[in-house]
Amino acid sequence: MPDIITTQIFADNEKGITAAKMNNIIANSTIQTDFVANKPAGSALNPTDQILELTSGGTYARITGAQLSASVAGQLALANTSQSGMLHQTSGNIGDYCGGDNLFHVLNTFTSLTAATTLTSADTNKLLICSGGSWTLTLPAAANGLAHRLRNDMGITGTTGTITVTPPTGTIDGAASLKLLPQQECTILCDGTNWRSFGLKREVILGTNDITTTTANAVILLPVGYRYFEMELDQISVDTDSSFIVFQLSADGGSTWASAASNYNEGIIYDSSATAVSYQFAGYTYGYMAGQQTTAALNSNSGRSTLRMFPGSASAPATWGSKNQGYSQGNARQRVWYNEGYFNAGVGVKNALKYFASSGNITRAFLTVKGVV
């Protein structure tokens, strides 16, 4: 009977395959003859190698690795929470990651938000940059592992406001909501029930305000929500010798300024001569930010001031204290002042400050503003 593999008939005690039978094996083989003629020279795999597939009709077909992959991928389901399977097709972006949902998500991207927004789980790991005033950012439904990076990009100029971060259920840092003040940023994580913030700083540089040309006045905002502000004013010069640097406050973002007589009451300790110290207390139409200054030509930007201000509240007036210095050509020396003052026209929060020279203009000054929660 014929051999089941070669289809040849072998006689009893036949000890070899004759050339004729070998040729018949090759010629009559169902497998393509070039697979026999072009067999690999070595055992190492080659990316261009092909394999044989036994078709449903009992014949053989030559297929490539790519064809096999496509055929298998089309028949296997994607992996999910209830079954094993194939990995989802990649996005091709080096910064993406494959999540537990077997989908690819952007790991690092910036998204700007300017009005009330409700996040979804698809926003996880995004850096959300918030501006446009005060509004509410609602978090997605709690799920273990969700993470959002938030930044309030507002500061001491333009529009400012507080972003109220609110979960639909549960708490954030043990409270019903989180107030993200201007220039604050943090990462918030969910444990499946509640949220926690990480990296939220209580001291924040809110911004800077630099004067390098002749300027009548400069305005900065004092974002509501900060406990107090620290202002560092350096390299002060004016165009009129012995001018003070003074300030006025606003409760409406700078639309109007408190400037009535005795709105600003201050006690001041200062050097009244080269060998004496004096004290005075009085009411003014402005507060004192820095003592007498002079021109850059006379004493190259030597003035400086450190002012700490409590902006007031519904039950308390604004208060402030400063240590400042400056050169006065009229006094021919560097002078020092210590000021303590309060707003003498009622309680309430002040949210803007304007500073200027008591005479003439400011020609140079570098202001840094820090907020403390």
Protein backbone atom coordinates (compact mmCIF):
# COMPACT_ATOMS: atom_id res chain seq x y z
CA MET A 1 0.00 0.00 0.00
CA PRO A 2 1.24 3.59 -0.54
CA ASP A 3 3.17 5.36 2.21
CA ILE A 4 0.81 7.86 3.90
CA ILE A 5 3.33 10.71 3.68
CA THR A 6 5.22 10.16 0.41
CA THR A 7 2.45 8.22 -1.49
CA GLN A 8 5.18 5.89 -2.72
CA ILE A 9 4.96 2.08 -2.58
CA PHE A 10 7.90 0.41 -0.94
CA ALA A 11 8.76 -3.27 -1.34
CA ASP A 12 9.57 -5.57 1.56
CA ASN A 13 13.11 -5.26 2.76
CA GLU A 14 13.70 -2.19 0.60
CA LYS A 15 16.49 -0.38 2.39
CA GLY A 16 16.77 2.85 0.49
CA ILE A 17 14.90 5.39 -1.55
CA THR A 18 15.81 5.28 -5.19
CA ALA A 19 16.39 8.45 -7.14
CA ALA A 20 13.23 7.79 -9.13
CA LYS A 21 11.10 7.52 -6.01
CA MET A 22 12.68 10.63 -4.53
CA ASN A 23 11.89 12.58 -7.68
CA ASN A 24 8.37 11.30 -7.57
CA ILE A 25 8.05 12.39 -3.93
CA ILE A 26 9.09 15.91 -4.88
CA ALA A 27 7.07 16.10 -8.07
CA ASN A 28 3.87 14.73 -6.58
CA SER A 29 4.13 16.45 -3.21
CA THR A 30 1.20 18.58 -2.13
CA ILE A 31 3.68 20.95 -0.49
CA GLN A 32 5.15 23.48 -2.92
CA THR A 33 8.33 22.10 -4.40
CA ASP A 34 10.26 25.32 -3.84
CA PHE A 35 9.99 24.80 -0.07
CA VAL A 36 12.03 21.66 -0.59
CA ALA A 37 14.41 23.23 -3.07
CA ASN A 38 14.90 26.43 -1.03
CA LYS A 39 15.00 25.11 2.49
CA PRO A 40 16.78 27.37 5.05
CA ALA A 41 20.52 27.01 5.17
CA GLY A 42 20.63 27.43 8.93
CA SER A 43 18.45 27.23 12.04
CA ALA A 44 18.33 30.99 12.76
CA LEU A 45 14.99 32.72 12.21
CA ASN A 46 14.70 35.21 9.40
CA PRO A 47 12.09 37.99 9.41
CA THR A 48 11.35 37.23 5.76
CA ASP A 49 10.74 33.52 6.37
CA GLN A 50 7.36 32.13 5.48
CA ILE A 51 5.36 29.29 6.97
CA LEU A 52 2.85 26.76 5.71
CA GLU A 53 -0.79 26.84 6.62
CA LEU A 54 -3.04 23.82 6.30
CA THR A 55 -6.23 25.14 4.80
CA SER A 56 -9.69 23.86 5.55
CA GLY A 57 -9.67 22.10 2.17
CA GLY A 58 -6.70 19.96 3.11
CA THR A 59 -4.21 21.83 0.95
CA TYR A 60 -1.26 23.92 1.97
CA ALA A 61 -0.78 27.65 1.51
CA ARG A 62 2.24 29.86 1.90
CA ILE A 63 1.69 32.73 4.38
CA THR A 64 3.88 35.47 5.84
CA GLY A 65 4.21 36.42 9.47
CA ALA A 66 2.27 39.63 8.81
CA GLN A 67 -0.61 37.66 7.31
CA LEU A 68 -0.65 35.35 10.31
CA SER A 69 -0.69 38.28 12.74
CA ALA A 70 -3.55 39.96 10.92
CA SER A 71 -5.51 36.73 10.77
CA VAL A 72 -5.07 35.99 14.47
CA ALA A 73 -5.72 39.60 15.56
CA GLY A 74 -9.01 39.59 13.71
CA GLN A 75 -10.20 36.52 15.60
CA LEU A 76 -9.00 37.28 19.15
CA ALA A 77 -10.95 39.66 21.39
CA LEU A 78 -9.34 42.63 23.12
CA ALA A 79 -8.43 42.04 26.75
CA ASN A 80 -10.84 43.50 29.29
CA THR A 81 -11.67 43.09 32.95
CA SER A 82 -13.35 39.72 32.39
CA GLN A 83 -11.08 38.03 29.85
CA SER A 84 -7.56 37.84 28.51
CA GLY A 85 -6.94 38.94 24.95
CA MET A 86 -5.07 41.25 22.65
CA LEU A 87 -3.53 44.61 23.56
CA HIS A 88 -5.30 47.58 21.98
CA GLN A 89 -3.65 49.13 18.93
CA THR A 90 -1.06 51.67 20.08
CA SER A 91 -1.49 55.40 19.53
CA GLY A 92 2.03 55.94 18.28
CA ASN A 93 2.67 58.79 20.73
CA ILE A 94 5.74 58.28 22.91
CA GLY A 95 4.11 60.10 25.83
CA ASP A 96 0.97 57.92 25.94
CA TYR A 97 0.34 54.99 28.27
CA CYS A 98 -1.98 51.98 28.16
CA GLY A 99 -4.42 52.07 31.05
CA GLY A 100 -6.27 49.34 32.86
CA ASP A 101 -9.12 49.88 30.39
CA ASN A 102 -6.82 48.65 27.57
CA LEU A 103 -6.94 52.07 25.93
CA PHE A 104 -4.13 54.50 25.33
CA HIS A 105 -4.23 57.83 27.15
CA VAL A 106 -2.10 60.95 26.96
CA LEU A 107 0.29 61.05 29.91
CA ASN A 108 1.31 64.72 29.62
CA THR A 109 -0.86 67.33 27.96
CA PHE A 110 -1.97 70.85 28.73
CA THR A 111 -5.65 71.76 28.74
CA SER A 112 -6.80 75.35 29.30
CA LEU A 113 -10.07 75.89 31.16
CA THR A 114 -11.74 79.28 31.55
CA ALA A 115 -15.23 78.50 32.88
CA ALA A 116 -17.15 75.99 34.98
CA THR A 117 -16.19 72.48 33.87
CA THR A 118 -17.03 68.89 34.82
CA LEU A 119 -14.12 66.50 34.34
CA THR A 120 -14.34 62.87 33.21
CA SER A 121 -12.04 59.92 33.75
CA ALA A 122 -10.53 60.66 30.32
CA ASP A 123 -8.99 63.81 31.82
CA THR A 124 -6.82 61.82 34.22
CA ASN A 125 -3.16 62.93 34.31
CA LYS A 126 -3.85 66.04 32.26
CA LEU A 127 -2.40 69.34 33.43
CA LEU A 128 -5.45 71.59 33.70
CA ILE A 129 -4.56 75.29 33.52
CA CYS A 130 -7.40 77.40 34.93
CA SER A 131 -8.08 81.09 34.35
CA GLY A 132 -11.00 83.43 33.65
CA GLY A 133 -12.04 84.45 37.16
CA SER A 134 -13.81 82.47 39.87
CA TRP A 135 -15.69 79.30 38.91
CA THR A 136 -16.23 75.66 39.93
CA LEU A 137 -14.31 72.64 38.65
CA THR A 138 -16.30 69.45 39.27
CA LEU A 139 -14.36 66.21 39.55
CA PRO A 140 -15.47 62.95 37.86
CA ALA A 141 -17.14 60.11 39.70
CA ALA A 142 -14.72 58.64 42.22
CA ALA A 143 -12.60 55.74 40.97
CA ASN A 144 -9.39 54.33 42.37
CA GLY A 145 -6.30 55.72 40.66
CA LEU A 146 -7.78 58.83 39.07
CA ALA A 147 -5.35 61.73 39.12
CA HIS A 148 -5.62 65.33 37.95
CA ARG A 149 -2.99 68.06 37.95
CA LEU A 150 -4.41 71.53 38.51
CA ARG A 151 -3.03 75.05 38.29
CA ASN A 152 -4.71 78.39 38.90
CA ASP A 153 -2.81 80.48 36.37
CA MET A 154 -4.14 83.85 37.49
CA GLY A 155 -2.02 86.33 39.44
CA ILE A 156 -1.70 90.02 40.34
CA THR A 157 -2.73 91.51 37.00
CA GLY A 158 -5.65 91.11 34.61
CA THR A 159 -8.44 88.83 35.79
CA THR A 160 -8.03 86.98 39.05
CA GLY A 161 -10.19 84.55 40.96
CA THR A 162 -10.53 81.30 42.92
CA ILE A 163 -11.12 77.87 41.39
CA THR A 164 -13.41 75.80 43.64
CA VAL A 165 -12.64 72.10 43.14
CA THR A 166 -15.66 69.97 44.07
CA PRO A 167 -16.12 66.17 44.01
CA PRO A 168 -19.64 64.91 43.14
CA THR A 169 -19.46 62.57 46.14
CA GLY A 170 -17.04 62.08 49.00
CA THR A 171 -14.58 64.68 50.19
CA ILE A 172 -11.36 66.35 49.12
CA ASP A 173 -8.78 66.77 51.89
CA GLY A 174 -11.61 65.92 54.27
CA ALA A 175 -13.76 68.85 53.12
CA ALA A 176 -16.61 69.33 50.66
CA SER A 177 -14.41 71.36 48.29
CA LEU A 178 -10.90 72.74 47.76
CA LYS A 179 -10.15 76.41 47.07
CA LEU A 180 -7.33 76.77 44.55
CA LEU A 181 -6.07 80.35 44.82
CA PRO A 182 -4.19 82.28 42.11
CA GLN A 183 -0.78 80.74 41.31
CA GLN A 184 -1.47 77.68 43.46
CA GLU A 185 -1.14 74.25 41.87
CA CYS A 186 -1.43 70.67 43.04
CA THR A 187 -2.07 67.07 42.05
CA ILE A 188 -5.25 65.43 43.33
CA LEU A 189 -5.61 61.66 43.65
CA CYS A 190 -8.65 59.46 44.29
CA ASP A 191 -8.71 56.31 46.45
CA GLY A 192 -12.02 55.19 45.00
CA THR A 193 -14.12 57.12 47.51
CA ASN A 194 -12.40 60.37 48.48
CA TRP A 195 -9.76 62.72 47.08
CA ARG A 196 -6.51 64.12 48.46
CA SER A 197 -4.34 66.98 47.22
CA PHE A 198 -0.56 66.79 47.03
CA GLY A 199 1.93 69.61 46.52
CA LEU A 200 -0.44 72.44 47.44
CA LYS A 201 1.81 75.24 48.75
CA ARG A 202 0.78 77.71 51.42
CA GLU A 203 3.35 80.30 50.31
CA VAL A 204 3.22 81.32 46.67
CA ILE A 205 4.99 83.92 44.55
CA LEU A 206 2.00 85.62 42.93
CA GLY A 207 3.94 87.71 40.45
CA THR A 208 6.29 90.57 39.83
CA ASN A 209 5.88 94.15 38.67
CA ASP A 210 8.92 95.89 37.21
CA ILE A 211 9.21 99.60 36.52
CA THR A 212 12.13 100.57 34.27
CA THR A 213 10.84 103.81 32.73
CA THR A 214 9.20 106.91 34.19
CA THR A 215 5.84 105.80 35.61
CA ALA A 216 3.16 107.77 37.43
CA ASN A 217 1.77 104.72 39.29
CA ALA A 218 1.50 100.95 39.15
CA VAL A 219 -1.41 98.70 40.17
CA ILE A 220 -1.36 95.14 41.45
CA LEU A 221 -4.26 92.89 42.45
CA LEU A 222 -4.42 91.27 45.89
CA PRO A 223 -6.21 87.96 45.18
CA VAL A 224 -8.96 87.24 47.69
CA GLY A 225 -8.36 84.18 49.87
CA TYR A 226 -4.79 84.79 50.94
CA ARG A 227 -4.20 85.36 54.64
CA TYR A 228 -1.63 88.09 54.03
CA PHE A 229 0.77 89.40 51.40
CA GLU A 230 4.49 90.15 51.45
CA MET A 231 5.80 92.75 49.01
CA GLU A 232 9.48 93.26 48.34
CA LEU A 233 10.27 96.50 46.49
CA ASP A 234 13.89 96.89 45.40
CA GLN A 235 16.15 99.25 43.41
CA ILE A 236 13.87 102.23 43.93
CA SER A 237 14.55 105.50 42.13
CA VAL A 238 12.35 108.56 41.59
CA ASP A 239 12.66 111.69 39.47
CA THR A 240 12.13 114.04 42.43
CA ASP A 241 14.55 113.90 45.37
CA SER A 242 13.09 113.07 48.81
CA SER A 243 9.82 111.64 47.42
CA PHE A 244 8.22 108.83 49.40
CA ILE A 245 6.75 105.70 47.82
CA VAL A 246 3.15 105.54 48.96
CA PHE A 247 0.10 103.37 48.29
CA GLN A 248 -3.68 103.42 48.22
CA LEU A 249 -6.11 100.49 48.51
CA SER A 250 -9.22 99.43 46.62
CA ALA A 251 -12.10 97.11 47.47
CA ASP A 252 -13.38 96.83 43.89
CA GLY A 253 -10.36 95.59 41.97
CA GLY A 254 -8.99 99.07 41.27
CA SER A 255 -12.09 100.79 39.91
CA THR A 256 -11.97 103.25 42.81
CA TRP A 257 -9.34 104.05 45.42
CA ALA A 258 -9.64 105.05 49.08
CA SER A 259 -8.02 108.48 49.23
CA ALA A 260 -9.86 110.51 51.86
CA ALA A 261 -8.06 112.30 54.66
CA SER A 262 -7.00 109.94 57.48
CA ASN A 263 -7.99 106.80 55.56
CA TYR A 264 -4.52 105.51 56.41
CA ASN A 265 -3.33 105.82 60.01
CA GLU A 266 0.34 105.08 60.65
CA GLY A 267 2.88 105.13 63.42
CA ILE A 268 6.39 105.69 62.09
CA ILE A 269 9.81 105.28 63.73
CA TYR A 270 12.58 106.97 61.77
CA ASP A 271 15.98 108.64 62.06
CA SER A 272 15.22 112.32 62.43
CA SER A 273 18.94 113.15 62.30
CA ALA A 274 22.23 111.34 62.01
CA THR A 275 22.19 110.77 65.78
CA ALA A 276 18.49 110.78 66.80
CA VAL A 277 15.41 108.59 66.40
CA SER A 278 11.86 109.95 66.36
CA TYR A 279 8.28 108.67 66.32
CA GLN A 280 5.12 110.10 64.86
CA PHE A 281 1.52 108.96 64.46
CA ALA A 282 -0.91 110.58 62.03
CA GLY A 283 -3.62 109.99 59.44
CA TYR A 284 -2.87 110.34 55.73
CA THR A 285 -4.53 110.08 52.33
CA TYR A 286 -2.22 107.15 51.59
CA GLY A 287 -0.06 104.58 53.34
CA TYR A 288 3.72 104.60 53.29
CA MET A 289 5.46 101.86 51.33
CA ALA A 290 8.98 103.30 51.42
CA GLY A 291 10.63 106.34 52.92
CA GLN A 292 12.34 109.16 51.09
CA GLN A 293 14.06 108.22 47.85
CA THR A 294 16.24 110.00 45.34
CA THR A 295 17.19 109.85 41.69
CA ALA A 296 19.30 107.13 40.13
CA ALA A 297 21.95 109.69 39.26
CA LEU A 298 22.35 110.72 42.89
CA ASN A 299 22.40 107.29 44.51
CA SER A 300 21.90 104.55 41.91
CA ASN A 301 18.66 102.77 42.89
CA SER A 302 19.54 102.22 46.56
CA GLY A 303 16.01 102.28 47.97
CA ARG A 304 14.20 99.17 49.13
CA SER A 305 11.17 98.16 51.20
CA THR A 306 9.60 95.06 52.73
CA LEU A 307 5.87 95.45 53.33
CA ARG A 308 3.62 92.84 54.95
CA MET A 309 -0.13 93.42 54.59
CA PHE A 310 -3.26 91.78 56.00
CA PRO A 311 -5.91 92.72 53.39
CA GLY A 312 -8.80 92.94 55.85
CA SER A 313 -11.90 90.81 56.35
CA ALA A 314 -15.61 91.18 56.92
CA SER A 315 -14.89 91.97 60.57
CA ALA A 316 -11.44 93.61 60.49
CA PRO A 317 -9.72 96.46 58.62
CA ALA A 318 -6.62 96.08 56.49
CA THR A 319 -3.36 96.42 58.42
CA TRP A 320 0.28 96.58 57.40
CA GLY A 321 3.83 96.95 58.60
CA SER A 322 7.07 97.71 56.77
CA LYS A 323 10.78 98.21 57.09
CA ASN A 324 12.21 100.44 54.39
CA GLN A 325 15.17 102.56 53.50
CA GLY A 326 16.31 105.10 50.95
CA TYR A 327 18.80 107.84 50.26
CA SER A 328 17.73 111.44 50.54
CA GLN A 329 19.93 114.07 48.96
CA GLY A 330 18.25 116.70 51.12
CA ASN A 331 19.40 114.82 54.23
CA ALA A 332 22.63 113.60 52.62
CA ARG A 333 22.36 110.09 54.08
CA GLN A 334 20.71 106.73 53.82
CA ARG A 335 17.61 106.78 56.03
CA VAL A 336 15.55 104.00 57.67
CA TRP A 337 11.81 103.87 58.55
CA TYR A 338 9.66 101.38 60.44
CA ASN A 339 5.96 101.77 59.69
CA GLU A 340 2.88 100.19 61.28
CA GLY A 341 -0.56 101.17 60.01
CA TYR A 342 -4.21 100.33 59.57
CA PHE A 343 -7.06 101.31 57.28
CA ASN A 344 -9.16 103.85 59.15
CA ALA A 345 -12.30 103.82 57.00
CA GLY A 346 -14.05 100.62 58.01
CA VAL A 347 -13.65 96.88 57.78
CA GLY A 348 -13.68 94.79 54.62
CA VAL A 349 -11.35 93.02 52.21
CA LYS A 350 -9.05 95.11 50.01
CA ASN A 351 -8.23 93.44 46.70
CA ALA A 352 -6.00 95.91 44.85
CA LEU A 353 -3.09 98.21 45.65
CA LYS A 354 -1.74 101.22 43.74
CA TYR A 355 1.73 102.56 44.51
CA PHE A 356 3.31 105.81 43.35
CA ALA A 357 5.74 108.58 44.31
CA SER A 358 4.44 111.25 46.69
CA SER A 359 5.97 113.81 44.32
CA GLY A 360 6.88 113.26 40.69
CA ASN A 361 7.24 109.76 39.28
CA ILE A 362 8.90 106.43 39.92
CA THR A 363 11.70 105.83 37.43
CA ARG A 364 12.81 102.40 38.61
CA ALA A 365 11.48 99.75 41.01
CA PHE A 366 11.19 95.97 41.08
CA LEU A 367 8.27 94.53 43.04
CA THR A 368 7.83 90.88 44.04
CA VAL A 369 4.52 89.83 45.60
CA LYS A 370 4.07 86.71 47.72
CA GLY A 371 0.79 85.37 49.08
CA VAL A 372 0.47 83.28 52.25
CA VAL A 373 -2.60 81.12 52.91
